[in-house]
Amino acid sequence: VAVVGTGISGLAATKCCLGEWLEPTCFEKSEGVGGLWCYTV
């Protein structure tokens, strides 16, 4: 499963995939994870 973006939704999707024994691959264009959350919290 490909997860594009590691913002809050991407992280939640990754967690759901792992809960179903799937192997997600996350793609993020920036160096960190969290998306806009990194700039607002």
C-alpha atoms as a PDB file:
ATOM      1  CA  VAL A   1       0.000   0.000   0.000  1.00  0.00           C
ATOM      2  CA  ALA A   2       1.384   3.431  -0.926  1.00  0.00           C
ATOM      3  CA  VAL A   3       0.688   6.295   1.469  1.00  0.00           C
ATOM      4  CA  VAL A   4       1.431   9.688  -0.081  1.00  0.00           C
ATOM      5  CA  GLY A   5       2.229  12.313   2.527  1.00  0.00           C
ATOM      6  CA  THR A   6       3.008  11.828   6.191  1.00  0.00           C
ATOM      7  CA  GLY A   7       0.727  14.449   7.649  1.00  0.00           C
ATOM      8  CA  ILE A   8      -1.787  13.480  10.293  1.00  0.00           C
ATOM      9  CA  SER A   9      -3.996  11.664   7.751  1.00  0.00           C
ATOM     10  CA  GLY A  10      -1.065   9.818   6.212  1.00  0.00           C
ATOM     11  CA  LEU A  11       0.146   8.693   9.625  1.00  0.00           C
ATOM     12  CA  ALA A  12      -3.365   7.519  10.535  1.00  0.00           C
ATOM     13  CA  ALA A  13      -3.638   5.622   7.237  1.00  0.00           C
ATOM     14  CA  THR A  14      -0.278   3.968   7.900  1.00  0.00           C
ATOM     15  CA  LYS A  15      -1.403   2.899  11.381  1.00  0.00           C
ATOM     16  CA  CYS A  16      -4.628   1.434   9.963  1.00  0.00           C
ATOM     17  CA  CYS A  17      -2.675  -0.500   7.328  1.00  0.00           C
ATOM     18  CA  LEU A  18      -0.349  -1.927   9.965  1.00  0.00           C
ATOM     19  CA  GLY A  19      -3.379  -2.942  12.033  1.00  0.00           C
ATOM     20  CA  GLU A  20      -4.617  -4.982   9.058  1.00  0.00           C
ATOM     21  CA  TRP A  21      -1.200  -6.668   8.587  1.00  0.00           C
ATOM     22  CA  LEU A  22      -0.524  -4.710   5.381  1.00  0.00           C
ATOM     23  CA  GLU A  23       2.904  -3.303   4.515  1.00  0.00           C
ATOM     24  CA  PRO A  24       2.515   0.417   3.775  1.00  0.00           C
ATOM     25  CA  THR A  25       5.225   2.487   2.110  1.00  0.00           C
ATOM     26  CA  CYS A  26       5.113   6.180   2.969  1.00  0.00           C
ATOM     27  CA  PHE A  27       6.213   8.881   0.537  1.00  0.00           C
ATOM     28  CA  GLU A  28       6.993  12.387   1.791  1.00  0.00           C
ATOM     29  CA  LYS A  29       8.679  15.235  -0.081  1.00  0.00           C
ATOM     30  CA  SER A  30      10.016  17.001   3.017  1.00  0.00           C
ATOM     31  CA  GLU A  31      12.609  15.699   5.457  1.00  0.00           C
ATOM     32  CA  GLY A  32      10.299  15.319   8.452  1.00  0.00           C
ATOM     33  CA  VAL A  33       6.926  13.795   9.174  1.00  0.00           C
ATOM     34  CA  GLY A  34       3.803  15.503  10.459  1.00  0.00           C
ATOM     35  CA  GLY A  35       2.916  17.761   7.523  1.00  0.00           C
ATOM     36  CA  LEU A  36       1.354  21.084   8.533  1.00  0.00           C
ATOM     37  CA  TRP A  37       1.126  19.815  12.100  1.00  0.00           C
ATOM     38  CA  CYS A  38       4.877  20.534  12.459  1.00  0.00           C
ATOM     39  CA  TYR A  39       4.257  24.211  11.769  1.00  0.00           C
ATOM     40  CA  THR A  40       1.115  24.710  13.845  1.00  0.00           C
ATOM     41  CA  VAL A  41       1.859  22.892  17.097  1.00  0.00           C
END
